[in-house]
Amino acid sequence: MNKILTLAAFAAASVVSLQAAAAGNAESGKLLVEKYNCASCHGKDFNSPIDPSYPKLAGQHQDYLQHALVSYRRGNDGMNGRTNAIMSAQAKPLSDRDINDIAAYLHSLPGSLVVRK
């Protein structure tokens, strides 16, 4: 019985740990967006891009940002990749943890996106 409880506790702790890792670290994400100079295109507040065709990132859904960065990292591989040359080059060196951290940071920022019901 003790073995089963120990295994159950370990499994629960593992799930919590994986969820925390997937959630990302906003402070690390802030350092990464500065390192990769994301503001040069998406605006200093990530809410006012230099070109209207560039997306506003501040306040965007975290899972969307993660998916987009993973797709850019894949590039034109035929498997749901995105083909923007600039973003593909920016995303190529990012690890999964980097992507989670960047997404957590950008999601935490106040944005002007409107959700319609």
PDB file of N, CA and C in Angstrom:
ATOM      1  N   MET A   1       0.832  -1.201   0.000  1.00  0.00           N
ATOM      2  CA  MET A   1       0.000   0.000   0.000  1.00  0.00           C
ATOM      3  C   MET A   1       0.871   1.258   0.000  1.00  0.00           C
ATOM      4  N   ASN A   2       1.946   1.260   0.805  1.00  0.00           N
ATOM      5  CA  ASN A   2       2.832   2.415   0.848  1.00  0.00           C
ATOM      6  C   ASN A   2       3.475   2.667  -0.508  1.00  0.00           C
ATOM      7  N   LYS A   3       3.798   1.579  -1.227  1.00  0.00           N
ATOM      8  CA  LYS A   3       4.394   1.717  -2.548  1.00  0.00           C
ATOM      9  C   LYS A   3       3.430   2.420  -3.505  1.00  0.00           C
ATOM     10  N   ILE A   4       2.163   2.041  -3.429  1.00  0.00           N
ATOM     11  CA  ILE A   4       1.150   2.647  -4.297  1.00  0.00           C
ATOM     12  C   ILE A   4       0.987   4.128  -3.970  1.00  0.00           C
ATOM     13  N   LEU A   5       0.946   4.468  -2.689  1.00  0.00           N
ATOM     14  CA  LEU A   5       0.820   5.879  -2.293  1.00  0.00           C
ATOM     15  C   LEU A   5       2.043   6.681  -2.720  1.00  0.00           C
ATOM     16  N   THR A   6       3.211   6.099  -2.587  1.00  0.00           N
ATOM     17  CA  THR A   6       4.439   6.781  -2.996  1.00  0.00           C
ATOM     18  C   THR A   6       4.426   7.027  -4.498  1.00  0.00           C
ATOM     19  N   LEU A   7       4.051   6.014  -5.272  1.00  0.00           N
ATOM     20  CA  LEU A   7       3.971   6.178  -6.727  1.00  0.00           C
ATOM     21  C   LEU A   7       2.920   7.210  -7.119  1.00  0.00           C
ATOM     22  N   ALA A   8       1.785   7.201  -6.439  1.00  0.00           N
ATOM     23  CA  ALA A   8       0.730   8.173  -6.727  1.00  0.00           C
ATOM     24  C   ALA A   8       1.204   9.591  -6.419  1.00  0.00           C
ATOM     25  N   ALA A   9       1.904   9.769  -5.313  1.00  0.00           N
ATOM     26  CA  ALA A   9       2.428  11.093  -4.956  1.00  0.00           C
ATOM     27  C   ALA A   9       3.465  11.549  -5.967  1.00  0.00           C
ATOM     28  N   PHE A  10       4.319  10.632  -6.400  1.00  0.00           N
ATOM     29  CA  PHE A  10       5.331  10.965  -7.395  1.00  0.00           C
ATOM     30  C   PHE A  10       4.676  11.361  -8.719  1.00  0.00           C
ATOM     31  N   ALA A  11       3.668  10.620  -9.130  1.00  0.00           N
ATOM     32  CA  ALA A  11       2.960  10.922 -10.376  1.00  0.00           C
ATOM     33  C   ALA A  11       2.295  12.294 -10.302  1.00  0.00           C
ATOM     34  N   ALA A  12       1.661  12.593  -9.178  1.00  0.00           N
ATOM     35  CA  ALA A  12       1.003  13.892  -9.015  1.00  0.00           C
ATOM     36  C   ALA A  12       2.028  15.028  -9.049  1.00  0.00           C
ATOM     37  N   ALA A  13       3.152  14.825  -8.389  1.00  0.00           N
ATOM     38  CA  ALA A  13       4.203  15.847  -8.385  1.00  0.00           C
ATOM     39  C   ALA A  13       4.763  16.048  -9.789  1.00  0.00           C
ATOM     40  N   SER A  14       4.883  14.976 -10.549  1.00  0.00           N
ATOM     41  CA  SER A  14       5.387  15.078 -11.916  1.00  0.00           C
ATOM     42  C   SER A  14       4.437  15.874 -12.799  1.00  0.00           C
ATOM     43  N   VAL A  15       3.148  15.641 -12.651  1.00  0.00           N
ATOM     44  CA  VAL A  15       2.160  16.360 -13.440  1.00  0.00           C
ATOM     45  C   VAL A  15       2.218  17.845 -13.113  1.00  0.00           C
ATOM     46  N   VAL A  16       2.280  18.189 -11.846  1.00  0.00           N
ATOM     47  CA  VAL A  16       2.366  19.590 -11.438  1.00  0.00           C
ATOM     48  C   VAL A  16       3.639  20.225 -11.986  1.00  0.00           C
ATOM     49  N   SER A  17       4.743  19.494 -11.924  1.00  0.00           N
ATOM     50  CA  SER A  17       6.017  19.995 -12.428  1.00  0.00           C
ATOM     51  C   SER A  17       5.958  20.243 -13.933  1.00  0.00           C
ATOM     52  N   LEU A  18       5.364  19.320 -14.681  1.00  0.00           N
ATOM     53  CA  LEU A  18       5.244  19.495 -16.122  1.00  0.00           C
ATOM     54  C   LEU A  18       4.344  20.671 -16.463  1.00  0.00           C
ATOM     55  N   GLN A  19       3.271  20.854 -15.716  1.00  0.00           N
ATOM     56  CA  GLN A  19       2.380  21.989 -15.966  1.00  0.00           C
ATOM     57  C   GLN A  19       3.103  23.305 -15.692  1.00  0.00           C
ATOM     58  N   ALA A  20       3.909  23.344 -14.643  1.00  0.00           N
ATOM     59  CA  ALA A  20       4.662  24.560 -14.329  1.00  0.00           C
ATOM     60  C   ALA A  20       5.660  24.862 -15.429  1.00  0.00           C
ATOM     61  N   ALA A  21       6.322  23.838 -15.951  1.00  0.00           N
ATOM     62  CA  ALA A  21       7.294  24.045 -17.026  1.00  0.00           C
ATOM     63  C   ALA A  21       6.593  24.542 -18.284  1.00  0.00           C
ATOM     64  N   ALA A  22       5.423  23.997 -18.586  1.00  0.00           N
ATOM     65  CA  ALA A  22       4.680  24.422 -19.767  1.00  0.00           C
ATOM     66  C   ALA A  22       4.163  25.842 -19.611  1.00  0.00           C
ATOM     67  N   ALA A  23       3.916  26.254 -18.376  1.00  0.00           N
ATOM     68  CA  ALA A  23       3.401  27.592 -18.130  1.00  0.00           C
ATOM     69  C   ALA A  23       4.423  28.658 -18.473  1.00  0.00           C
ATOM     70  N   GLY A  24       5.681  28.382 -18.281  1.00  0.00           N
ATOM     71  CA  GLY A  24       6.731  29.328 -18.607  1.00  0.00           C
ATOM     72  C   GLY A  24       7.016  30.297 -17.481  1.00  0.00           C
ATOM     73  N   ASN A  25       8.151  30.941 -17.595  1.00  0.00           N
ATOM     74  CA  ASN A  25       8.628  31.900 -16.618  1.00  0.00           C
ATOM     75  C   ASN A  25       8.668  33.273 -17.280  1.00  0.00           C
ATOM     76  N   ALA A  26       7.775  34.152 -16.872  1.00  0.00           N
ATOM     77  CA  ALA A  26       7.651  35.464 -17.508  1.00  0.00           C
ATOM     78  C   ALA A  26       8.921  36.298 -17.371  1.00  0.00           C
ATOM     79  N   GLU A  27       9.614  36.193 -16.242  1.00  0.00           N
ATOM     80  CA  GLU A  27      10.855  36.968 -16.065  1.00  0.00           C
ATOM     81  C   GLU A  27      11.918  36.531 -17.060  1.00  0.00           C
ATOM     82  N   SER A  28      12.058  35.226 -17.254  1.00  0.00           N
ATOM     83  CA  SER A  28      13.008  34.723 -18.253  1.00  0.00           C
ATOM     84  C   SER A  28      12.568  35.146 -19.646  1.00  0.00           C
ATOM     85  N   GLY A  29      11.261  35.113 -19.885  1.00  0.00           N
ATOM     86  CA  GLY A  29      10.734  35.536 -21.177  1.00  0.00           C
ATOM     87  C   GLY A  29      11.053  36.985 -21.486  1.00  0.00           C
ATOM     88  N   LYS A  30      10.983  37.830 -20.476  1.00  0.00           N
ATOM     89  CA  LYS A  30      11.314  39.249 -20.663  1.00  0.00           C
ATOM     90  C   LYS A  30      12.762  39.404 -21.130  1.00  0.00           C
ATOM     91  N   LEU A  31      13.663  38.655 -20.503  1.00  0.00           N
ATOM     92  CA  LEU A  31      15.071  38.708 -20.901  1.00  0.00           C
ATOM     93  C   LEU A  31      15.258  38.216 -22.331  1.00  0.00           C
ATOM     94  N   LEU A  32      14.516  37.192 -22.712  1.00  0.00           N
ATOM     95  CA  LEU A  32      14.640  36.645 -24.061  1.00  0.00           C
ATOM     96  C   LEU A  32      14.117  37.608 -25.128  1.00  0.00           C
ATOM     97  N   VAL A  33      12.981  38.275 -24.885  1.00  0.00           N
ATOM     98  CA  VAL A  33      12.484  39.217 -25.896  1.00  0.00           C
ATOM     99  C   VAL A  33      13.419  40.408 -26.038  1.00  0.00           C
ATOM    100  N   GLU A  34      14.125  40.749 -24.952  1.00  0.00           N
ATOM    101  CA  GLU A  34      15.140  41.800 -25.045  1.00  0.00           C
ATOM    102  C   GLU A  34      16.349  41.290 -25.833  1.00  0.00           C
ATOM    103  N   LYS A  35      16.778  40.077 -25.546  1.00  0.00           N
ATOM    104  CA  LYS A  35      17.933  39.478 -26.233  1.00  0.00           C
ATOM    105  C   LYS A  35      17.691  39.407 -27.740  1.00  0.00           C
ATOM    106  N   TYR A  36      16.504  38.977 -28.142  1.00  0.00           N
ATOM    107  CA  TYR A  36      16.196  38.810 -29.558  1.00  0.00           C
ATOM    108  C   TYR A  36      15.602  40.063 -30.194  1.00  0.00           C
ATOM    109  N   ASN A  37      15.506  41.151 -29.417  1.00  0.00           N
ATOM    110  CA  ASN A  37      15.066  42.457 -29.906  1.00  0.00           C
ATOM    111  C   ASN A  37      13.708  42.399 -30.612  1.00  0.00           C
ATOM    112  N   CYS A  38      12.778  41.688 -30.008  1.00  0.00           N
ATOM    113  CA  CYS A  38      11.435  41.532 -30.577  1.00  0.00           C
ATOM    114  C   CYS A  38      10.721  42.874 -30.726  1.00  0.00           C
ATOM    115  N   ALA A  39      11.045  43.822 -29.846  1.00  0.00           N
ATOM    116  CA  ALA A  39      10.380  45.124 -29.869  1.00  0.00           C
ATOM    117  C   ALA A  39      10.710  45.914 -31.129  1.00  0.00           C
ATOM    118  N   SER A  40      11.791  45.587 -31.807  1.00  0.00           N
ATOM    119  CA  SER A  40      12.152  46.343 -33.003  1.00  0.00           C
ATOM    120  C   SER A  40      11.079  46.231 -34.092  1.00  0.00           C
ATOM    121  N   CYS A  41      10.336  45.150 -34.091  1.00  0.00           N
ATOM    122  CA  CYS A  41       9.237  45.000 -35.059  1.00  0.00           C
ATOM    123  C   CYS A  41       7.862  45.090 -34.409  1.00  0.00           C
ATOM    124  N   HIS A  42       7.733  44.532 -33.216  1.00  0.00           N
ATOM    125  CA  HIS A  42       6.413  44.436 -32.578  1.00  0.00           C
ATOM    126  C   HIS A  42       6.098  45.624 -31.664  1.00  0.00           C
ATOM    127  N   GLY A  43       7.015  46.578 -31.561  1.00  0.00           N
ATOM    128  CA  GLY A  43       6.801  47.782 -30.771  1.00  0.00           C
ATOM    129  C   GLY A  43       7.295  47.624 -29.348  1.00  0.00           C
ATOM    130  N   LYS A  44       7.721  48.733 -28.750  1.00  0.00           N
ATOM    131  CA  LYS A  44       8.317  48.682 -27.408  1.00  0.00           C
ATOM    132  C   LYS A  44       7.365  48.142 -26.354  1.00  0.00           C
ATOM    133  N   ASP A  45       6.058  48.305 -26.592  1.00  0.00           N
ATOM    134  CA  ASP A  45       5.063  47.782 -25.652  1.00  0.00           C
ATOM    135  C   ASP A  45       4.433  46.490 -26.163  1.00  0.00           C
ATOM    136  N   PHE A  46       4.922  45.985 -27.294  1.00  0.00           N
ATOM    137  CA  PHE A  46       4.405  44.776 -27.953  1.00  0.00           C
ATOM    138  C   PHE A  46       2.931  44.916 -28.303  1.00  0.00           C
ATOM    139  N   ASN A  47       2.502  46.154 -28.394  1.00  0.00           N
ATOM    140  CA  ASN A  47       1.112  46.462 -28.698  1.00  0.00           C
ATOM    141  C   ASN A  47       1.017  47.469 -29.845  1.00  0.00           C
ATOM    142  N   SER A  48       2.171  47.916 -30.340  1.00  0.00           N
ATOM    143  CA  SER A  48       2.191  48.907 -31.412  1.00  0.00           C
ATOM    144  C   SER A  48       3.289  48.547 -32.410  1.00  0.00           C
ATOM    145  N   PRO A  49       3.034  47.546 -33.249  1.00  0.00           N
ATOM    146  CA  PRO A  49       4.050  47.108 -34.210  1.00  0.00           C
ATOM    147  C   PRO A  49       4.392  48.201 -35.211  1.00  0.00           C
ATOM    148  N   ILE A  50       5.593  48.106 -35.770  1.00  0.00           N
ATOM    149  CA  ILE A  50       6.054  49.132 -36.708  1.00  0.00           C
ATOM    150  C   ILE A  50       5.330  49.057 -38.051  1.00  0.00           C
ATOM    151  N   ASP A  51       4.678  47.957 -38.318  1.00  0.00           N
ATOM    152  CA  ASP A  51       3.922  47.768 -39.558  1.00  0.00           C
ATOM    153  C   ASP A  51       2.566  47.166 -39.177  1.00  0.00           C
ATOM    154  N   PRO A  52       1.487  47.665 -39.750  1.00  0.00           N
ATOM    155  CA  PRO A  52       0.174  47.147 -39.359  1.00  0.00           C
ATOM    156  C   PRO A  52      -0.030  45.659 -39.665  1.00  0.00           C
ATOM    157  N   SER A  53       0.790  45.098 -40.530  1.00  0.00           N
ATOM    158  CA  SER A  53       0.640  43.673 -40.832  1.00  0.00           C
ATOM    159  C   SER A  53       1.329  42.787 -39.790  1.00  0.00           C
ATOM    160  N   TYR A  54       2.119  43.394 -38.896  1.00  0.00           N
ATOM    161  CA  TYR A  54       2.767  42.629 -37.828  1.00  0.00           C
ATOM    162  C   TYR A  54       1.799  42.507 -36.658  1.00  0.00           C
ATOM    163  N   PRO A  55       1.758  41.365 -36.006  1.00  0.00           N
ATOM    164  CA  PRO A  55       0.770  41.185 -34.931  1.00  0.00           C
ATOM    165  C   PRO A  55       1.108  41.922 -33.640  1.00  0.00           C
ATOM    166  N   LYS A  56       0.055  42.301 -32.938  1.00  0.00           N
ATOM    167  CA  LYS A  56       0.197  42.791 -31.568  1.00  0.00           C
ATOM    168  C   LYS A  56       0.354  41.557 -30.694  1.00  0.00           C
ATOM    169  N   LEU A  57       1.362  41.542 -29.855  1.00  0.00           N
ATOM    170  CA  LEU A  57       1.651  40.361 -29.049  1.00  0.00           C
ATOM    171  C   LEU A  57       1.225  40.496 -27.597  1.00  0.00           C
ATOM    172  N   ALA A  58       1.175  41.716 -27.086  1.00  0.00           N
ATOM    173  CA  ALA A  58       0.853  41.936 -25.675  1.00  0.00           C
ATOM    174  C   ALA A  58      -0.548  41.423 -25.361  1.00  0.00           C
ATOM    175  N   GLY A  59      -0.639  40.597 -24.333  1.00  0.00           N
ATOM    176  CA  GLY A  59      -1.925  40.087 -23.892  1.00  0.00           C
ATOM    177  C   GLY A  59      -2.486  38.951 -24.726  1.00  0.00           C
ATOM    178  N   GLN A  60      -1.753  38.553 -25.749  1.00  0.00           N
ATOM    179  CA  GLN A  60      -2.217  37.461 -26.612  1.00  0.00           C
ATOM    180  C   GLN A  60      -2.284  36.160 -25.808  1.00  0.00           C
ATOM    181  N   HIS A  61      -3.133  35.242 -26.198  1.00  0.00           N
ATOM    182  CA  HIS A  61      -3.247  33.956 -25.515  1.00  0.00           C
ATOM    183  C   HIS A  61      -1.909  33.225 -25.543  1.00  0.00           C
ATOM    184  N   GLN A  62      -1.525  32.705 -24.397  1.00  0.00           N
ATOM    185  CA  GLN A  62      -0.228  32.055 -24.259  1.00  0.00           C
ATOM    186  C   GLN A  62      -0.101  30.839 -25.179  1.00  0.00           C
ATOM    187  N   ASP A  63      -1.127  30.022 -25.264  1.00  0.00           N
ATOM    188  CA  ASP A  63      -1.030  28.829 -26.102  1.00  0.00           C
ATOM    189  C   ASP A  63      -0.927  29.202 -27.583  1.00  0.00           C
ATOM    190  N   TYR A  64      -1.556  30.281 -27.985  1.00  0.00           N
ATOM    191  CA  TYR A  64      -1.436  30.743 -29.368  1.00  0.00           C
ATOM    192  C   TYR A  64       0.003  31.171 -29.650  1.00  0.00           C
ATOM    193  N   LEU A  65       0.591  31.943 -28.732  1.00  0.00           N
ATOM    194  CA  LEU A  65       1.967  32.396 -28.926  1.00  0.00           C
ATOM    195  C   LEU A  65       2.930  31.215 -28.998  1.00  0.00           C
ATOM    196  N   GLN A  66       2.724  30.235 -28.132  1.00  0.00           N
ATOM    197  CA  GLN A  66       3.574  29.039 -28.151  1.00  0.00           C
ATOM    198  C   GLN A  66       3.448  28.321 -29.491  1.00  0.00           C
ATOM    199  N   HIS A  67       2.218  28.136 -29.930  1.00  0.00           N
ATOM    200  CA  HIS A  67       1.985  27.442 -31.201  1.00  0.00           C
ATOM    201  C   HIS A  67       2.635  28.205 -32.364  1.00  0.00           C
ATOM    202  N   ALA A  68       2.478  29.517 -32.377  1.00  0.00           N
ATOM    203  CA  ALA A  68       3.037  30.322 -33.464  1.00  0.00           C
ATOM    204  C   ALA A  68       4.560  30.221 -33.485  1.00  0.00           C
ATOM    205  N   LEU A  69       5.201  30.330 -32.320  1.00  0.00           N
ATOM    206  CA  LEU A  69       6.663  30.261 -32.290  1.00  0.00           C
ATOM    207  C   LEU A  69       7.179  28.880 -32.689  1.00  0.00           C
ATOM    208  N   VAL A  70       6.501  27.838 -32.257  1.00  0.00           N
ATOM    209  CA  VAL A  70       6.896  26.486 -32.667  1.00  0.00           C
ATOM    210  C   VAL A  70       6.746  26.341 -34.184  1.00  0.00           C
ATOM    211  N   SER A  71       5.670  26.874 -34.738  1.00  0.00           N
ATOM    212  CA  SER A  71       5.447  26.798 -36.188  1.00  0.00           C
ATOM    213  C   SER A  71       6.514  27.574 -36.948  1.00  0.00           C
ATOM    214  N   TYR A  72       6.876  28.746 -36.461  1.00  0.00           N
ATOM    215  CA  TYR A  72       7.956  29.508 -37.105  1.00  0.00           C
ATOM    216  C   TYR A  72       9.276  28.751 -36.998  1.00  0.00           C
ATOM    217  N   ARG A  73       9.517  28.126 -35.869  1.00  0.00           N
ATOM    218  CA  ARG A  73      10.757  27.366 -35.693  1.00  0.00           C
ATOM    219  C   ARG A  73      10.812  26.208 -36.694  1.00  0.00           C
ATOM    220  N   ARG A  74       9.675  25.576 -36.961  1.00  0.00           N
ATOM    221  CA  ARG A  74       9.622  24.485 -37.946  1.00  0.00           C
ATOM    222  C   ARG A  74       9.877  24.996 -39.358  1.00  0.00           C
ATOM    223  N   GLY A  75       9.414  26.211 -39.624  1.00  0.00           N
ATOM    224  CA  GLY A  75       9.574  26.762 -40.963  1.00  0.00           C
ATOM    225  C   GLY A  75       8.734  26.020 -41.972  1.00  0.00           C
ATOM    226  N   ASN A  76       9.207  25.938 -43.158  1.00  0.00           N
ATOM    227  CA  ASN A  76       8.464  25.318 -44.249  1.00  0.00           C
ATOM    228  C   ASN A  76       8.771  23.826 -44.324  1.00  0.00           C
ATOM    229  N   ASP A  77       8.389  23.104 -43.285  1.00  0.00           N
ATOM    230  CA  ASP A  77       8.657  21.665 -43.269  1.00  0.00           C
ATOM    231  C   ASP A  77       7.445  20.846 -43.684  1.00  0.00           C
ATOM    232  N   GLY A  78       6.361  21.518 -44.064  1.00  0.00           N
ATOM    233  CA  GLY A  78       5.166  20.810 -44.482  1.00  0.00           C
ATOM    234  C   GLY A  78       4.312  20.309 -43.327  1.00  0.00           C
ATOM    235  N   MET A  79       4.749  20.540 -42.110  1.00  0.00           N
ATOM    236  CA  MET A  79       4.020  20.055 -40.938  1.00  0.00           C
ATOM    237  C   MET A  79       3.519  21.237 -40.109  1.00  0.00           C
ATOM    238  N   ASN A  80       2.596  22.008 -40.676  1.00  0.00           N
ATOM    239  CA  ASN A  80       2.020  23.141 -39.961  1.00  0.00           C
ATOM    240  C   ASN A  80       3.064  24.200 -39.629  1.00  0.00           C
ATOM    241  N   GLY A  81       4.037  24.361 -40.487  1.00  0.00           N
ATOM    242  CA  GLY A  81       5.047  25.386 -40.278  1.00  0.00           C
ATOM    243  C   GLY A  81       4.617  26.706 -40.883  1.00  0.00           C
ATOM    244  N   ARG A  82       5.224  27.769 -40.417  1.00  0.00           N
ATOM    245  CA  ARG A  82       4.972  29.098 -40.967  1.00  0.00           C
ATOM    246  C   ARG A  82       6.205  29.508 -41.750  1.00  0.00           C
ATOM    247  N   THR A  83       6.019  30.290 -42.798  1.00  0.00           N
ATOM    248  CA  THR A  83       7.115  30.529 -43.735  1.00  0.00           C
ATOM    249  C   THR A  83       7.673  31.944 -43.728  1.00  0.00           C
ATOM    250  N   ASN A  84       7.379  32.755 -42.733  1.00  0.00           N
ATOM    251  CA  ASN A  84       7.952  34.094 -42.676  1.00  0.00           C
ATOM    252  C   ASN A  84       9.448  33.978 -42.394  1.00  0.00           C
ATOM    253  N   ALA A  85      10.271  34.460 -43.318  1.00  0.00           N
ATOM    254  CA  ALA A  85      11.724  34.281 -43.220  1.00  0.00           C
ATOM    255  C   ALA A  85      12.311  34.939 -41.975  1.00  0.00           C
ATOM    256  N   ILE A  86      11.839  36.110 -41.626  1.00  0.00           N
ATOM    257  CA  ILE A  86      12.383  36.812 -40.452  1.00  0.00           C
ATOM    258  C   ILE A  86      12.029  36.055 -39.182  1.00  0.00           C
ATOM    259  N   MET A  87      10.757  35.708 -39.032  1.00  0.00           N
ATOM    260  CA  MET A  87      10.344  35.013 -37.810  1.00  0.00           C
ATOM    261  C   MET A  87      10.920  33.607 -37.729  1.00  0.00           C
ATOM    262  N   SER A  88      11.053  32.940 -38.856  1.00  0.00           N
ATOM    263  CA  SER A  88      11.659  31.602 -38.828  1.00  0.00           C
ATOM    264  C   SER A  88      13.100  31.679 -38.340  1.00  0.00           C
ATOM    265  N   ALA A  89      13.834  32.665 -38.799  1.00  0.00           N
ATOM    266  CA  ALA A  89      15.222  32.837 -38.353  1.00  0.00           C
ATOM    267  C   ALA A  89      15.284  33.197 -36.873  1.00  0.00           C
ATOM    268  N   GLN A  90      14.345  34.014 -36.412  1.00  0.00           N
ATOM    269  CA  GLN A  90      14.315  34.393 -34.998  1.00  0.00           C
ATOM    270  C   GLN A  90      13.967  33.194 -34.108  1.00  0.00           C
ATOM    271  N   ALA A  91      13.043  32.368 -34.553  1.00  0.00           N
ATOM    272  CA  ALA A  91      12.551  31.263 -33.730  1.00  0.00           C
ATOM    273  C   ALA A  91      13.439  30.025 -33.791  1.00  0.00           C
ATOM    274  N   LYS A  92      14.248  29.893 -34.828  1.00  0.00           N
ATOM    275  CA  LYS A  92      15.046  28.677 -35.027  1.00  0.00           C
ATOM    276  C   LYS A  92      15.896  28.303 -33.808  1.00  0.00           C
ATOM    277  N   PRO A  93      16.588  29.246 -33.149  1.00  0.00           N
ATOM    278  CA  PRO A  93      17.432  28.852 -32.010  1.00  0.00           C
ATOM    279  C   PRO A  93      16.689  28.662 -30.687  1.00  0.00           C
ATOM    280  N   LEU A  94      15.385  28.907 -30.661  1.00  0.00           N
ATOM    281  CA  LEU A  94      14.641  28.851 -29.401  1.00  0.00           C
ATOM    282  C   LEU A  94      14.374  27.410 -28.966  1.00  0.00           C
ATOM    283  N   SER A  95      14.591  27.153 -27.695  1.00  0.00           N
ATOM    284  CA  SER A  95      14.230  25.854 -27.120  1.00  0.00           C
ATOM    285  C   SER A  95      12.750  25.891 -26.753  1.00  0.00           C
ATOM    286  N   ASP A  96      12.194  24.729 -26.410  1.00  0.00           N
ATOM    287  CA  ASP A  96      10.803  24.686 -25.954  1.00  0.00           C
ATOM    288  C   ASP A  96      10.623  25.551 -24.706  1.00  0.00           C
ATOM    289  N   ARG A  97      11.590  25.509 -23.811  1.00  0.00           N
ATOM    290  CA  ARG A  97      11.510  26.326 -22.590  1.00  0.00           C
ATOM    291  C   ARG A  97      11.534  27.817 -22.942  1.00  0.00           C
ATOM    292  N   ASP A  98      12.407  28.214 -23.873  1.00  0.00           N
ATOM    293  CA  ASP A  98      12.453  29.616 -24.313  1.00  0.00           C
ATOM    294  C   ASP A  98      11.081  30.051 -24.830  1.00  0.00           C
ATOM    295  N   ILE A  99      10.486  29.209 -25.659  1.00  0.00           N
ATOM    296  CA  ILE A  99       9.178  29.524 -26.239  1.00  0.00           C
ATOM    297  C   ILE A  99       8.126  29.661 -25.147  1.00  0.00           C
ATOM    298  N   ASN A 100       8.124  28.761 -24.188  1.00  0.00           N
ATOM    299  CA  ASN A 100       7.155  28.855 -23.083  1.00  0.00           C
ATOM    300  C   ASN A 100       7.368  30.125 -22.274  1.00  0.00           C
ATOM    301  N   ASP A 101       8.634  30.486 -22.039  1.00  0.00           N
ATOM    302  CA  ASP A 101       8.938  31.688 -21.259  1.00  0.00           C
ATOM    303  C   ASP A 101       8.529  32.957 -22.005  1.00  0.00           C
ATOM    304  N   ILE A 102       8.840  33.019 -23.295  1.00  0.00           N
ATOM    305  CA  ILE A 102       8.457  34.187 -24.098  1.00  0.00           C
ATOM    306  C   ILE A 102       6.940  34.324 -24.134  1.00  0.00           C
ATOM    307  N   ALA A 103       6.251  33.216 -24.348  1.00  0.00           N
ATOM    308  CA  ALA A 103       4.784  33.250 -24.399  1.00  0.00           C
ATOM    309  C   ALA A 103       4.199  33.694 -23.062  1.00  0.00           C
ATOM    310  N   ALA A 104       4.785  33.226 -21.959  1.00  0.00           N
ATOM    311  CA  ALA A 104       4.298  33.627 -20.629  1.00  0.00           C
ATOM    312  C   ALA A 104       4.478  35.127 -20.425  1.00  0.00           C
ATOM    313  N   TYR A 105       5.615  35.656 -20.851  1.00  0.00           N
ATOM    314  CA  TYR A 105       5.870  37.094 -20.677  1.00  0.00           C
ATOM    315  C   TYR A 105       4.906  37.924 -21.517  1.00  0.00           C
ATOM    316  N   LEU A 106       4.809  37.608 -22.800  1.00  0.00           N
ATOM    317  CA  LEU A 106       3.952  38.406 -23.682  1.00  0.00           C
ATOM    318  C   LEU A 106       2.487  38.324 -23.257  1.00  0.00           C
ATOM    319  N   HIS A 107       2.069  37.156 -22.804  1.00  0.00           N
ATOM    320  CA  HIS A 107       0.692  36.979 -22.327  1.00  0.00           C
ATOM    321  C   HIS A 107       0.422  37.849 -21.089  1.00  0.00           C
ATOM    322  N   SER A 108       1.452  38.057 -20.270  1.00  0.00           N
ATOM    323  CA  SER A 108       1.274  38.805 -19.024  1.00  0.00           C
ATOM    324  C   SER A 108       1.146  40.316 -19.239  1.00  0.00           C
ATOM    325  N   LEU A 109       1.484  40.780 -20.421  1.00  0.00           N
ATOM    326  CA  LEU A 109       1.461  42.225 -20.692  1.00  0.00           C
ATOM    327  C   LEU A 109       0.039  42.704 -21.002  1.00  0.00           C
ATOM    328  N   PRO A 110      -0.255  43.947 -20.630  1.00  0.00           N
ATOM    329  CA  PRO A 110      -1.565  44.490 -20.986  1.00  0.00           C
ATOM    330  C   PRO A 110      -1.623  44.716 -22.495  1.00  0.00           C
ATOM    331  N   GLY A 111      -2.712  44.316 -23.101  1.00  0.00           N
ATOM    332  CA  GLY A 111      -2.845  44.462 -24.535  1.00  0.00           C
ATOM    333  C   GLY A 111      -4.149  45.125 -24.915  1.00  0.00           C
ATOM    334  N   SER A 112      -4.257  45.459 -26.183  1.00  0.00           N
ATOM    335  CA  SER A 112      -5.469  46.115 -26.661  1.00  0.00           C
ATOM    336  C   SER A 112      -6.322  45.175 -27.509  1.00  0.00           C
ATOM    337  N   LEU A 113      -6.004  43.888 -27.470  1.00  0.00           N
ATOM    338  CA  LEU A 113      -6.812  42.924 -28.215  1.00  0.00           C
ATOM    339  C   LEU A 113      -8.196  42.844 -27.612  1.00  0.00           C
ATOM    340  N   VAL A 114      -9.200  42.714 -28.457  1.00  0.00           N
ATOM    341  CA  VAL A 114     -10.583  42.659 -28.005  1.00  0.00           C
ATOM    342  C   VAL A 114     -11.130  41.269 -28.291  1.00  0.00           C
ATOM    343  N   VAL A 115     -11.715  40.664 -27.281  1.00  0.00           N
ATOM    344  CA  VAL A 115     -12.357  39.363 -27.457  1.00  0.00           C
ATOM    345  C   VAL A 115     -13.851  39.607 -27.623  1.00  0.00           C
ATOM    346  N   ARG A 116     -14.387  39.185 -28.727  1.00  0.00           N
ATOM    347  CA  ARG A 116     -15.821  39.374 -28.996  1.00  0.00           C
ATOM    348  C   ARG A 116     -16.564  38.126 -28.556  1.00  0.00           C
ATOM    349  N   LYS A 117     -17.741  38.339 -28.004  1.00  0.00           N
ATOM    350  CA  LYS A 117     -18.556  37.212 -27.551  1.00  0.00           C
ATOM    351  C   LYS A 117     -19.703  36.966 -28.483  1.00  0.00           C
TER     352      LYS A 117
END
